[in-house]
N, C-alpha and C. Protein backbone atom coordinates (compact mmCIF):
# COMPACT_ATOMS: atom_id res chain seq x y z
N UNK A 1 -3.70 -2.37 4.07
CA UNK A 1 -3.78 -1.05 4.67
C UNK A 1 -3.75 -0.03 3.55
N UNK A 2 -4.66 0.90 3.55
CA UNK A 2 -4.70 1.94 2.54
C UNK A 2 -4.34 3.26 3.18
N UNK A 3 -3.42 3.97 2.58
CA UNK A 3 -2.93 5.22 3.13
C UNK A 3 -2.93 6.29 2.06
N UNK A 4 -3.24 7.50 2.44
CA UNK A 4 -3.15 8.62 1.50
C UNK A 4 -1.87 9.38 1.82
N UNK A 5 -0.96 9.39 0.90
CA UNK A 5 0.33 10.05 1.06
C UNK A 5 0.74 10.67 -0.26
N UNK A 6 1.73 11.55 -0.21
CA UNK A 6 2.18 12.17 -1.45
C UNK A 6 3.55 11.68 -1.90
N UNK A 7 4.36 11.19 -0.98
CA UNK A 7 5.73 10.76 -1.31
C UNK A 7 6.00 9.35 -0.84
N UNK A 8 5.67 8.32 -1.66
CA UNK A 8 5.89 6.95 -1.21
C UNK A 8 7.35 6.60 -0.98
N UNK A 9 8.29 7.32 -1.58
CA UNK A 9 9.71 7.02 -1.43
C UNK A 9 10.22 7.30 -0.02
N UNK A 10 9.46 8.03 0.80
CA UNK A 10 9.93 8.41 2.13
C UNK A 10 9.60 7.37 3.20
N UNK A 11 9.11 6.19 2.85
CA UNK A 11 8.74 5.19 3.84
C UNK A 11 9.94 4.42 4.36
N UNK A 12 9.88 4.10 5.64
CA UNK A 12 10.87 3.22 6.24
C UNK A 12 10.11 2.15 7.03
N UNK A 13 10.83 1.26 7.67
CA UNK A 13 10.19 0.16 8.40
C UNK A 13 9.28 0.67 9.51
N UNK A 14 9.62 1.79 10.14
CA UNK A 14 8.83 2.31 11.25
C UNK A 14 7.47 2.80 10.79
N UNK A 15 7.33 3.18 9.52
CA UNK A 15 6.05 3.72 9.04
C UNK A 15 4.99 2.64 8.85
N UNK A 16 5.34 1.37 8.98
CA UNK A 16 4.37 0.30 8.77
C UNK A 16 3.54 -0.02 10.00
N UNK A 17 4.07 0.13 11.16
CA UNK A 17 3.31 -0.16 12.36
C UNK A 17 3.04 -1.65 12.57
N UNK A 18 2.06 -1.95 13.42
CA UNK A 18 1.73 -3.34 13.75
C UNK A 18 0.23 -3.56 13.63
N UNK A 19 -0.16 -4.83 13.42
CA UNK A 19 -1.59 -5.16 13.34
C UNK A 19 -2.14 -5.36 14.76
N UNK A 20 -3.41 -5.75 14.86
CA UNK A 20 -4.05 -5.89 16.17
C UNK A 20 -3.45 -7.02 17.02
N UNK A 21 -2.75 -7.96 16.39
CA UNK A 21 -2.09 -9.05 17.12
C UNK A 21 -0.64 -8.70 17.46
N UNK A 22 -0.19 -7.50 17.09
CA UNK A 22 1.17 -7.08 17.39
C UNK A 22 2.20 -7.47 16.35
N UNK A 23 1.75 -8.06 15.24
CA UNK A 23 2.67 -8.45 14.16
C UNK A 23 2.93 -7.26 13.24
N UNK A 24 4.14 -7.17 12.68
CA UNK A 24 4.42 -6.05 11.77
C UNK A 24 3.58 -6.15 10.49
N UNK A 25 3.06 -5.01 10.04
CA UNK A 25 2.32 -4.97 8.78
C UNK A 25 3.29 -5.20 7.63
N UNK A 26 2.87 -5.88 6.58
CA UNK A 26 3.75 -6.23 5.46
C UNK A 26 3.50 -5.40 4.21
N UNK A 27 2.24 -5.05 3.95
CA UNK A 27 1.93 -4.33 2.71
C UNK A 27 1.33 -2.97 3.01
N UNK A 28 1.59 -2.03 2.12
CA UNK A 28 0.96 -0.72 2.21
C UNK A 28 0.64 -0.28 0.79
N UNK A 29 -0.60 0.13 0.57
CA UNK A 29 -1.03 0.64 -0.72
C UNK A 29 -1.13 2.15 -0.57
N UNK A 30 -0.40 2.88 -1.43
CA UNK A 30 -0.36 4.34 -1.34
C UNK A 30 -1.26 4.91 -2.42
N UNK A 31 -2.21 5.75 -2.00
CA UNK A 31 -3.18 6.31 -2.93
C UNK A 31 -3.08 7.83 -2.91
N UNK A 32 -3.08 8.42 -4.10
CA UNK A 32 -3.07 9.88 -4.25
C UNK A 32 -4.23 10.23 -5.17
N UNK A 33 -5.15 11.06 -4.69
CA UNK A 33 -6.36 11.33 -5.45
C UNK A 33 -7.18 10.06 -5.45
N UNK A 34 -7.48 9.53 -6.61
CA UNK A 34 -8.21 8.26 -6.68
C UNK A 34 -7.40 7.20 -7.42
N UNK A 35 -6.06 7.38 -7.42
CA UNK A 35 -5.20 6.42 -8.12
C UNK A 35 -4.18 5.82 -7.17
N UNK A 36 -3.86 4.55 -7.40
CA UNK A 36 -2.80 3.88 -6.66
C UNK A 36 -1.47 4.37 -7.23
N UNK A 37 -0.60 4.91 -6.39
CA UNK A 37 0.69 5.40 -6.86
C UNK A 37 1.84 4.49 -6.45
N UNK A 38 1.61 3.63 -5.45
CA UNK A 38 2.67 2.71 -5.03
C UNK A 38 2.09 1.56 -4.22
N UNK A 39 2.73 0.40 -4.34
CA UNK A 39 2.44 -0.74 -3.48
C UNK A 39 3.77 -1.09 -2.84
N UNK A 40 3.81 -0.98 -1.51
CA UNK A 40 5.05 -1.18 -0.77
C UNK A 40 4.99 -2.48 0.02
N UNK A 41 6.13 -3.17 0.13
CA UNK A 41 6.22 -4.42 0.87
C UNK A 41 7.33 -4.32 1.91
N UNK A 42 6.99 -4.65 3.14
CA UNK A 42 7.93 -4.65 4.25
C UNK A 42 8.55 -6.04 4.35
N UNK A 43 9.83 -6.19 3.99
CA UNK A 43 10.50 -7.49 4.04
C UNK A 43 10.94 -7.85 5.45
N UNK A 44 10.90 -6.88 6.33
CA UNK A 44 11.42 -7.07 7.68
C UNK A 44 12.78 -6.43 7.84
N UNK A 45 13.46 -6.21 6.71
CA UNK A 45 14.78 -5.56 6.72
C UNK A 45 14.77 -4.25 5.94
N UNK A 46 13.85 -4.15 4.96
CA UNK A 46 13.75 -2.94 4.16
C UNK A 46 12.35 -2.86 3.55
N UNK A 47 12.04 -1.73 2.94
CA UNK A 47 10.76 -1.53 2.27
C UNK A 47 11.01 -1.56 0.77
N UNK A 48 10.29 -2.45 0.07
CA UNK A 48 10.44 -2.56 -1.39
C UNK A 48 9.22 -1.97 -2.07
N UNK A 49 9.46 -1.29 -3.19
CA UNK A 49 8.40 -0.73 -4.02
C UNK A 49 8.06 -1.78 -5.08
N UNK A 50 6.88 -2.41 -4.97
CA UNK A 50 6.50 -3.49 -5.87
C UNK A 50 5.92 -2.97 -7.18
N UNK A 51 6.13 -3.72 -8.25
CA UNK A 51 5.50 -3.41 -9.52
C UNK A 51 4.03 -3.79 -9.42
N UNK A 52 3.16 -3.01 -10.03
CA UNK A 52 1.73 -3.31 -10.02
C UNK A 52 1.08 -2.73 -11.26
N UNK A 53 -0.11 -3.21 -11.53
CA UNK A 53 -0.91 -2.66 -12.62
C UNK A 53 -2.30 -2.39 -12.07
N UNK A 54 -2.68 -1.14 -12.06
CA UNK A 54 -3.99 -0.75 -11.53
C UNK A 54 -5.04 -0.94 -12.62
N UNK A 55 -6.16 -1.50 -12.23
CA UNK A 55 -7.28 -1.69 -13.14
C UNK A 55 -8.51 -1.12 -12.46
N UNK A 56 -9.11 -0.09 -13.06
CA UNK A 56 -10.27 0.55 -12.46
C UNK A 56 -11.55 0.04 -13.11
N UNK A 57 -12.60 -0.07 -12.28
CA UNK A 57 -13.91 -0.51 -12.73
C UNK A 57 -14.94 0.52 -12.29
N UNK A 58 -15.96 0.71 -13.13
CA UNK A 58 -17.07 1.56 -12.72
C UNK A 58 -17.90 0.83 -11.68
N UNK A 59 -18.51 1.58 -10.78
CA UNK A 59 -19.34 1.00 -9.74
C UNK A 59 -20.42 0.13 -10.36
N UNK A 60 -20.51 -1.13 -9.95
CA UNK A 60 -21.50 -2.06 -10.47
C UNK A 60 -21.09 -2.76 -11.74
N UNK A 61 -19.95 -2.38 -12.33
CA UNK A 61 -19.51 -3.00 -13.59
C UNK A 61 -19.00 -4.41 -13.40
N UNK A 62 -18.39 -4.68 -12.27
CA UNK A 62 -17.79 -5.98 -12.01
C UNK A 62 -18.41 -6.55 -10.75
N UNK A 63 -18.99 -7.70 -10.82
CA UNK A 63 -19.63 -8.29 -9.66
C UNK A 63 -19.61 -9.79 -9.71
N UNK A 64 -20.17 -10.39 -8.69
CA UNK A 64 -20.18 -11.84 -8.61
C UNK A 64 -21.42 -12.43 -9.25
């Protein structure tokens, strides 16, 4: 799930919602502008801010 937000620290379990099968969503990628600012994981008891490394590619630079 990709979300545009400004304050990733304000997330709680209720902000994750559910998928089409009614299961709780586990991951949320927070984007501000065109950069990833946070990757959040819903453990079921709390929301953790995961470490990540963003790697950007120019359109058409990386393909199969």
